[in-house]
């Protein structure tokens, strides 16, 4: 019985993106203790988000992604970072549906509202900052132990 894990990464090596800042998620397939990348899923971008992104870049907010992207977004660009109209840190409810077939989501940080949406779907969220291989090894081992207890 296999399952999938979604990972927010900018470089394919480290878990280094906030859930709301991730333009895509790498999806790993897990069988027993083995895992491997099977696909990359891009987060759909609404017209409002595209407009906000362009406005933030134009205003000097670097790449427009938001806090933690090294863009100086915390310096007061537009209407404030982390808000729906600010430097891109708004809620990403479409990402919850995009990842609804995964057993868990792994990212650097995640907001409470999105976390609650995943909890309603019985999807575990791990907010950690580690190399992907190290994090997935630990998570897969944890799930393996839980799953083996259910079988016995």
N, C-alpha and C. Protein backbone atom coordinates (compact mmCIF):
# COMPACT_ATOMS: atom_id res chain seq x y z
N UNK A 1 0.84 -1.18 0.00
CA UNK A 1 0.00 0.00 0.00
C UNK A 1 0.89 1.25 0.00
N UNK A 2 0.97 1.93 -1.11
CA UNK A 2 1.81 3.12 -1.22
C UNK A 2 1.04 4.39 -0.95
N UNK A 3 1.78 5.46 -0.83
CA UNK A 3 1.20 6.78 -0.62
C UNK A 3 2.13 7.84 -1.18
N UNK A 4 1.67 9.09 -1.16
CA UNK A 4 2.45 10.20 -1.70
C UNK A 4 2.73 11.25 -0.62
N UNK A 5 3.87 11.91 -0.79
CA UNK A 5 4.25 13.02 0.08
C UNK A 5 4.60 14.21 -0.81
N UNK A 6 4.04 15.37 -0.50
CA UNK A 6 4.32 16.60 -1.25
C UNK A 6 5.37 17.41 -0.49
N UNK A 7 6.34 17.96 -1.23
CA UNK A 7 7.44 18.70 -0.62
C UNK A 7 7.57 20.09 -1.27
N UNK A 8 7.68 21.12 -0.44
CA UNK A 8 7.90 22.49 -0.92
C UNK A 8 9.40 22.76 -0.94
N UNK A 9 9.97 22.86 -2.14
CA UNK A 9 11.41 23.07 -2.28
C UNK A 9 11.70 24.01 -3.45
N UNK A 10 12.74 24.81 -3.28
CA UNK A 10 13.13 25.71 -4.37
C UNK A 10 14.25 25.11 -5.21
N UNK A 11 14.98 24.15 -4.65
CA UNK A 11 16.15 23.62 -5.35
C UNK A 11 16.14 22.11 -5.55
N UNK A 12 15.09 21.43 -5.11
CA UNK A 12 15.01 19.98 -5.26
C UNK A 12 15.87 19.21 -4.27
N UNK A 13 16.55 19.93 -3.38
CA UNK A 13 17.42 19.28 -2.41
C UNK A 13 17.01 19.54 -0.97
N UNK A 14 16.47 20.73 -0.71
CA UNK A 14 16.14 21.15 0.65
C UNK A 14 14.69 21.57 0.77
N UNK A 15 14.14 21.37 1.96
CA UNK A 15 12.80 21.87 2.27
C UNK A 15 13.02 23.29 2.77
N UNK A 16 12.75 24.25 1.90
CA UNK A 16 13.13 25.63 2.20
C UNK A 16 12.07 26.67 1.83
N UNK A 17 10.86 26.22 1.51
CA UNK A 17 9.81 27.17 1.14
C UNK A 17 8.63 27.12 2.10
N UNK A 18 8.08 28.28 2.39
CA UNK A 18 6.83 28.40 3.12
C UNK A 18 5.74 27.86 2.20
N UNK A 19 4.75 27.20 2.75
CA UNK A 19 3.69 26.61 1.95
C UNK A 19 3.08 27.63 0.98
N UNK A 20 2.77 28.82 1.49
CA UNK A 20 2.12 29.85 0.66
C UNK A 20 3.01 30.47 -0.39
N UNK A 21 4.32 30.27 -0.29
CA UNK A 21 5.27 30.84 -1.27
C UNK A 21 5.69 29.83 -2.33
N UNK A 22 5.29 28.59 -2.17
CA UNK A 22 5.75 27.55 -3.10
C UNK A 22 4.98 27.62 -4.42
N UNK A 23 5.68 27.86 -5.52
CA UNK A 23 5.02 27.90 -6.82
C UNK A 23 4.70 26.50 -7.34
N UNK A 24 5.34 25.51 -6.72
CA UNK A 24 5.12 24.11 -7.10
C UNK A 24 5.53 23.20 -5.96
N UNK A 25 5.12 21.94 -6.06
CA UNK A 25 5.45 20.94 -5.06
C UNK A 25 5.99 19.71 -5.75
N UNK A 26 7.06 19.16 -5.21
CA UNK A 26 7.58 17.89 -5.71
C UNK A 26 6.81 16.78 -5.00
N UNK A 27 6.35 15.81 -5.77
CA UNK A 27 5.57 14.71 -5.22
C UNK A 27 6.43 13.45 -5.22
N UNK A 28 6.50 12.83 -4.05
CA UNK A 28 7.27 11.60 -3.88
C UNK A 28 6.31 10.44 -3.63
N UNK A 29 6.60 9.32 -4.26
CA UNK A 29 5.86 8.09 -4.05
C UNK A 29 6.61 7.26 -3.02
N UNK A 30 5.86 6.66 -2.10
CA UNK A 30 6.47 5.87 -1.03
C UNK A 30 5.89 4.46 -1.06
N UNK A 31 6.79 3.49 -1.03
CA UNK A 31 6.44 2.07 -0.91
C UNK A 31 7.32 1.49 0.18
N UNK A 32 6.74 1.08 1.28
CA UNK A 32 7.53 0.56 2.38
C UNK A 32 8.45 1.64 2.93
N UNK A 33 9.76 1.40 2.86
CA UNK A 33 10.74 2.39 3.31
C UNK A 33 11.39 3.13 2.15
N UNK A 34 10.99 2.82 0.93
CA UNK A 34 11.57 3.44 -0.26
C UNK A 34 10.72 4.60 -0.75
N UNK A 35 11.38 5.65 -1.22
CA UNK A 35 10.66 6.79 -1.79
C UNK A 35 11.43 7.34 -2.99
N UNK A 36 10.68 7.88 -3.95
CA UNK A 36 11.30 8.50 -5.11
C UNK A 36 10.35 9.55 -5.70
N UNK A 37 10.94 10.55 -6.31
CA UNK A 37 10.16 11.63 -6.91
C UNK A 37 9.44 11.11 -8.15
N UNK A 38 8.14 11.42 -8.24
CA UNK A 38 7.37 10.96 -9.39
C UNK A 38 6.87 12.11 -10.26
N UNK A 39 6.72 13.31 -9.68
CA UNK A 39 6.22 14.43 -10.47
C UNK A 39 6.41 15.75 -9.74
N UNK A 40 6.20 16.83 -10.48
CA UNK A 40 6.18 18.17 -9.92
C UNK A 40 4.84 18.77 -10.28
N UNK A 41 4.14 19.29 -9.28
CA UNK A 41 2.82 19.91 -9.51
C UNK A 41 2.92 21.41 -9.29
N UNK A 42 2.55 22.15 -10.32
CA UNK A 42 2.55 23.61 -10.23
C UNK A 42 1.25 24.09 -9.61
N UNK A 43 1.36 25.10 -8.76
CA UNK A 43 0.19 25.68 -8.11
C UNK A 43 -0.49 26.61 -9.12
N UNK A 44 -1.78 26.44 -9.34
CA UNK A 44 -2.48 27.35 -10.26
C UNK A 44 -2.46 28.77 -9.71
N UNK A 45 -2.29 29.73 -10.59
CA UNK A 45 -2.23 31.13 -10.19
C UNK A 45 -3.44 31.85 -10.76
N UNK A 46 -4.21 32.50 -9.87
CA UNK A 46 -5.39 33.24 -10.30
C UNK A 46 -4.96 34.56 -10.93
N UNK A 47 -5.88 35.22 -11.62
CA UNK A 47 -5.58 36.53 -12.21
C UNK A 47 -5.26 37.54 -11.14
N UNK A 48 -5.94 37.47 -9.99
CA UNK A 48 -5.67 38.40 -8.89
C UNK A 48 -4.25 38.21 -8.37
N UNK A 49 -3.81 36.95 -8.25
CA UNK A 49 -2.46 36.68 -7.79
C UNK A 49 -1.42 37.15 -8.80
N UNK A 50 -1.71 36.97 -10.11
CA UNK A 50 -0.79 37.45 -11.13
C UNK A 50 -0.65 38.96 -11.06
N UNK A 51 -1.77 39.65 -10.87
CA UNK A 51 -1.74 41.11 -10.76
C UNK A 51 -0.94 41.54 -9.54
N UNK A 52 -1.18 40.88 -8.39
CA UNK A 52 -0.46 41.20 -7.16
C UNK A 52 1.03 40.95 -7.32
N UNK A 53 1.37 39.84 -7.96
CA UNK A 53 2.77 39.50 -8.20
C UNK A 53 3.44 40.59 -9.04
N UNK A 54 2.81 40.97 -10.15
CA UNK A 54 3.38 41.99 -11.03
C UNK A 54 3.52 43.32 -10.31
N UNK A 55 2.52 43.68 -9.51
CA UNK A 55 2.55 44.93 -8.76
C UNK A 55 3.70 44.94 -7.75
N UNK A 56 3.93 43.81 -7.09
CA UNK A 56 5.00 43.73 -6.09
C UNK A 56 6.37 43.80 -6.74
N UNK A 57 6.56 43.14 -7.87
CA UNK A 57 7.83 43.20 -8.57
C UNK A 57 8.09 44.63 -9.05
N UNK A 58 7.05 45.25 -9.60
CA UNK A 58 7.15 46.62 -10.09
C UNK A 58 7.51 47.58 -8.96
N UNK A 59 7.01 47.30 -7.75
CA UNK A 59 7.25 48.18 -6.61
C UNK A 59 8.62 47.92 -5.96
N UNK A 60 9.37 46.98 -6.51
CA UNK A 60 10.70 46.72 -5.97
C UNK A 60 10.74 45.62 -4.93
N UNK A 61 9.72 44.78 -4.88
CA UNK A 61 9.68 43.68 -3.92
C UNK A 61 10.35 42.44 -4.49
N UNK A 62 11.44 42.59 -5.17
CA UNK A 62 12.19 41.44 -5.68
C UNK A 62 11.37 40.60 -6.61
N UNK A 63 11.23 39.31 -6.30
CA UNK A 63 10.48 38.42 -7.17
C UNK A 63 8.99 38.41 -6.85
N UNK A 64 8.57 39.18 -5.85
CA UNK A 64 7.14 39.30 -5.54
C UNK A 64 6.56 38.15 -4.75
N UNK A 65 7.39 37.19 -4.35
CA UNK A 65 6.85 36.02 -3.66
C UNK A 65 6.45 36.31 -2.23
N UNK A 66 7.21 37.12 -1.53
CA UNK A 66 6.80 37.44 -0.18
C UNK A 66 7.91 37.29 0.83
N UNK A 67 7.53 37.26 2.11
CA UNK A 67 8.51 37.20 3.19
C UNK A 67 9.44 36.02 3.04
N UNK A 68 10.71 36.25 3.36
CA UNK A 68 11.65 35.16 3.34
C UNK A 68 12.25 34.88 1.98
N UNK A 69 11.88 35.65 0.95
CA UNK A 69 12.42 35.39 -0.37
C UNK A 69 13.64 36.24 -0.68
N UNK A 70 14.08 36.99 0.31
CA UNK A 70 15.27 37.81 0.13
C UNK A 70 15.02 39.06 -0.67
N UNK A 71 13.76 39.42 -0.83
CA UNK A 71 13.43 40.54 -1.70
C UNK A 71 13.30 41.86 -0.96
N UNK A 72 13.42 41.85 0.33
CA UNK A 72 13.22 43.09 1.07
C UNK A 72 11.75 43.39 1.23
N UNK A 73 10.93 42.40 1.10
CA UNK A 73 9.48 42.59 1.15
C UNK A 73 9.03 43.08 2.52
N UNK A 74 9.77 42.77 3.55
CA UNK A 74 9.38 43.21 4.88
C UNK A 74 9.59 44.71 5.08
N UNK A 75 10.14 45.38 4.09
CA UNK A 75 10.42 46.80 4.23
C UNK A 75 9.21 47.68 3.98
N UNK A 76 8.04 47.07 3.81
CA UNK A 76 6.83 47.87 3.71
C UNK A 76 6.29 48.05 2.30
N UNK A 77 6.60 47.17 1.40
CA UNK A 77 6.07 47.26 0.04
C UNK A 77 4.55 47.13 0.07
N UNK A 78 3.89 47.90 -0.72
CA UNK A 78 2.44 47.83 -0.91
C UNK A 78 1.68 47.78 0.41
N UNK A 79 0.79 46.81 0.53
CA UNK A 79 -0.11 46.82 1.68
C UNK A 79 0.30 45.87 2.78
N UNK A 80 1.54 45.42 2.79
CA UNK A 80 2.00 44.60 3.91
C UNK A 80 2.17 43.15 3.56
N UNK A 81 3.27 42.59 3.94
CA UNK A 81 3.58 41.20 3.63
C UNK A 81 2.70 40.27 4.44
N UNK A 82 2.37 39.15 3.81
CA UNK A 82 1.59 38.13 4.48
C UNK A 82 0.10 38.36 4.42
N UNK A 83 -0.33 39.50 3.94
CA UNK A 83 -1.75 39.73 3.80
C UNK A 83 -2.19 39.27 2.43
N UNK A 84 -3.47 39.15 2.22
CA UNK A 84 -3.96 38.71 0.92
C UNK A 84 -3.56 39.67 -0.19
N UNK A 85 -3.44 40.93 0.12
CA UNK A 85 -3.11 41.90 -0.90
C UNK A 85 -1.67 42.35 -0.83
N UNK A 86 -0.92 41.76 0.07
CA UNK A 86 0.46 42.18 0.27
C UNK A 86 1.41 41.49 -0.68
N UNK A 87 2.56 41.14 -0.19
CA UNK A 87 3.63 40.61 -1.01
C UNK A 87 3.51 39.12 -1.22
N UNK A 88 2.34 38.64 -1.52
CA UNK A 88 2.16 37.27 -1.96
C UNK A 88 1.93 36.25 -0.89
N UNK A 89 1.82 36.62 0.38
CA UNK A 89 1.69 35.63 1.43
C UNK A 89 0.27 35.22 1.73
N UNK A 90 -0.65 35.41 0.80
CA UNK A 90 -2.05 35.11 1.03
C UNK A 90 -2.32 33.63 1.13
N UNK A 91 -3.53 33.27 1.48
CA UNK A 91 -3.92 31.88 1.61
C UNK A 91 -3.96 31.22 0.25
N UNK A 92 -3.58 29.96 0.20
CA UNK A 92 -3.48 29.22 -1.05
C UNK A 92 -4.40 28.01 -0.98
N UNK A 93 -5.70 28.25 -0.91
CA UNK A 93 -6.64 27.14 -0.76
C UNK A 93 -6.62 26.20 -1.95
N UNK A 94 -6.29 26.69 -3.16
CA UNK A 94 -6.23 25.82 -4.32
C UNK A 94 -5.13 24.77 -4.17
N UNK A 95 -4.10 25.08 -3.39
CA UNK A 95 -3.02 24.13 -3.16
C UNK A 95 -3.48 22.95 -2.31
N UNK A 96 -4.45 23.16 -1.45
CA UNK A 96 -4.98 22.07 -0.63
C UNK A 96 -5.62 21.03 -1.55
N UNK A 97 -6.41 21.47 -2.51
CA UNK A 97 -7.03 20.54 -3.46
C UNK A 97 -5.98 19.88 -4.34
N UNK A 98 -4.99 20.64 -4.76
CA UNK A 98 -3.92 20.12 -5.61
C UNK A 98 -3.21 18.94 -4.94
N UNK A 99 -3.11 18.97 -3.61
CA UNK A 99 -2.35 17.96 -2.87
C UNK A 99 -3.25 16.99 -2.10
N UNK A 100 -4.53 16.97 -2.42
CA UNK A 100 -5.49 16.19 -1.64
C UNK A 100 -5.28 14.67 -1.74
N UNK A 101 -4.48 14.20 -2.69
CA UNK A 101 -4.21 12.77 -2.79
C UNK A 101 -2.94 12.36 -2.06
N UNK A 102 -2.32 13.31 -1.36
CA UNK A 102 -1.08 13.02 -0.62
C UNK A 102 -1.40 12.68 0.83
N UNK A 103 -0.57 11.85 1.42
CA UNK A 103 -0.72 11.49 2.83
C UNK A 103 -0.20 12.61 3.72
N UNK A 104 0.83 13.31 3.23
CA UNK A 104 1.39 14.40 4.02
C UNK A 104 2.01 15.46 3.12
N UNK A 105 2.21 16.63 3.71
CA UNK A 105 2.82 17.77 3.05
C UNK A 105 3.99 18.21 3.94
N UNK A 106 5.14 18.49 3.31
CA UNK A 106 6.32 18.90 4.05
C UNK A 106 6.76 20.26 3.51
N UNK A 107 6.87 21.23 4.41
CA UNK A 107 7.27 22.58 4.02
C UNK A 107 8.00 23.25 5.19
N UNK A 108 8.60 24.41 4.89
CA UNK A 108 9.34 25.13 5.92
C UNK A 108 8.40 25.69 6.98
N UNK A 109 7.31 26.29 6.57
CA UNK A 109 6.30 26.86 7.46
C UNK A 109 4.94 26.79 6.78
N UNK A 110 3.88 26.85 7.58
CA UNK A 110 2.53 26.84 7.03
C UNK A 110 1.62 27.64 7.96
N UNK A 111 0.67 28.33 7.38
CA UNK A 111 -0.28 29.12 8.17
C UNK A 111 -1.35 28.26 8.81
N UNK A 112 -1.94 28.79 9.88
CA UNK A 112 -2.95 28.03 10.64
C UNK A 112 -4.19 27.68 9.82
N UNK A 113 -4.66 28.61 8.99
CA UNK A 113 -5.88 28.34 8.23
C UNK A 113 -5.69 27.21 7.23
N UNK A 114 -4.57 27.21 6.55
CA UNK A 114 -4.29 26.13 5.60
C UNK A 114 -4.06 24.82 6.35
N UNK A 115 -3.37 24.88 7.47
CA UNK A 115 -3.14 23.69 8.29
C UNK A 115 -4.47 23.05 8.68
N UNK A 116 -5.43 23.85 9.08
CA UNK A 116 -6.75 23.33 9.46
C UNK A 116 -7.44 22.66 8.28
N UNK A 117 -7.27 23.22 7.07
CA UNK A 117 -7.87 22.60 5.88
C UNK A 117 -7.27 21.22 5.61
N UNK A 118 -5.97 21.11 5.79
CA UNK A 118 -5.34 19.79 5.62
C UNK A 118 -5.80 18.83 6.70
N UNK A 119 -5.93 19.30 7.93
CA UNK A 119 -6.39 18.44 9.02
C UNK A 119 -7.78 17.89 8.73
N UNK A 120 -8.66 18.71 8.15
CA UNK A 120 -10.01 18.26 7.80
C UNK A 120 -9.97 17.13 6.77
N UNK A 121 -8.94 17.11 5.96
CA UNK A 121 -8.80 16.07 4.94
C UNK A 121 -7.92 14.91 5.43
N UNK A 122 -7.54 14.92 6.70
CA UNK A 122 -6.69 13.89 7.31
C UNK A 122 -5.33 13.79 6.62
N UNK A 123 -4.79 14.95 6.21
CA UNK A 123 -3.46 15.02 5.62
C UNK A 123 -2.53 15.63 6.65
N UNK A 124 -1.46 14.91 6.98
CA UNK A 124 -0.48 15.40 7.96
C UNK A 124 0.40 16.46 7.33
N UNK A 125 0.79 17.44 8.13
CA UNK A 125 1.69 18.49 7.68
C UNK A 125 2.90 18.52 8.60
N UNK A 126 4.08 18.53 8.00
CA UNK A 126 5.33 18.64 8.74
C UNK A 126 5.98 19.94 8.32
N UNK A 127 6.16 20.86 9.27
CA UNK A 127 6.87 22.10 8.95
C UNK A 127 8.27 22.02 9.54
N UNK A 128 9.21 21.71 8.66
CA UNK A 128 10.60 21.52 9.04
C UNK A 128 11.50 22.11 7.95
N UNK A 129 12.73 22.36 8.32
CA UNK A 129 13.71 22.88 7.36
C UNK A 129 14.92 21.95 7.40
N UNK A 130 14.94 20.99 6.47
CA UNK A 130 15.99 19.97 6.39
C UNK A 130 16.23 19.62 4.93
N UNK A 131 17.30 18.90 4.64
CA UNK A 131 17.43 18.34 3.30
C UNK A 131 16.28 17.35 3.06
N UNK A 132 15.79 17.28 1.85
CA UNK A 132 14.63 16.43 1.53
C UNK A 132 14.88 14.98 1.90
N UNK A 133 16.02 14.43 1.52
CA UNK A 133 16.29 13.01 1.79
C UNK A 133 16.26 12.71 3.28
N UNK A 134 16.84 13.58 4.07
CA UNK A 134 16.86 13.38 5.52
C UNK A 134 15.44 13.43 6.10
N UNK A 135 14.68 14.44 5.71
CA UNK A 135 13.31 14.59 6.22
C UNK A 135 12.43 13.43 5.79
N UNK A 136 12.48 13.07 4.51
CA UNK A 136 11.63 11.98 4.04
C UNK A 136 12.02 10.64 4.66
N UNK A 137 13.29 10.43 4.88
CA UNK A 137 13.72 9.18 5.55
C UNK A 137 13.08 9.06 6.92
N UNK A 138 13.06 10.15 7.66
CA UNK A 138 12.47 10.14 9.00
C UNK A 138 10.94 9.97 8.94
N UNK A 139 10.30 10.69 8.03
CA UNK A 139 8.84 10.61 7.92
C UNK A 139 8.41 9.23 7.45
N UNK A 140 9.07 8.70 6.44
CA UNK A 140 8.74 7.38 5.91
C UNK A 140 8.95 6.31 6.97
N UNK A 141 10.02 6.42 7.73
CA UNK A 141 10.28 5.46 8.81
C UNK A 141 9.15 5.52 9.86
N UNK A 142 8.75 6.72 10.20
CA UNK A 142 7.66 6.92 11.16
C UNK A 142 6.37 6.27 10.66
N UNK A 143 6.00 6.56 9.40
CA UNK A 143 4.78 5.97 8.85
C UNK A 143 4.89 4.44 8.75
N UNK A 144 6.06 3.95 8.42
CA UNK A 144 6.25 2.51 8.30
C UNK A 144 5.97 1.82 9.64
N UNK A 145 6.48 2.40 10.73
CA UNK A 145 6.25 1.83 12.05
C UNK A 145 4.76 1.85 12.40
N UNK A 146 4.09 2.94 12.09
CA UNK A 146 2.65 3.05 12.36
C UNK A 146 1.89 2.02 11.53
N UNK A 147 2.19 1.93 10.24
CA UNK A 147 1.48 1.03 9.35
C UNK A 147 1.71 -0.43 9.72
N UNK A 148 2.90 -0.78 10.15
CA UNK A 148 3.20 -2.15 10.55
C UNK A 148 2.40 -2.56 11.79
N UNK A 149 2.18 -1.63 12.68
CA UNK A 149 1.39 -1.92 13.89
C UNK A 149 -0.07 -2.20 13.51
N UNK A 150 -0.57 -1.50 12.49
CA UNK A 150 -1.96 -1.72 12.05
C UNK A 150 -2.13 -3.09 11.45
N UNK A 151 -1.10 -3.59 10.76
CA UNK A 151 -1.20 -4.88 10.07
C UNK A 151 -1.20 -6.03 11.07
N UNK A 152 -0.45 -5.93 12.13
CA UNK A 152 -0.32 -7.01 13.10
C UNK A 152 -1.53 -7.23 13.90
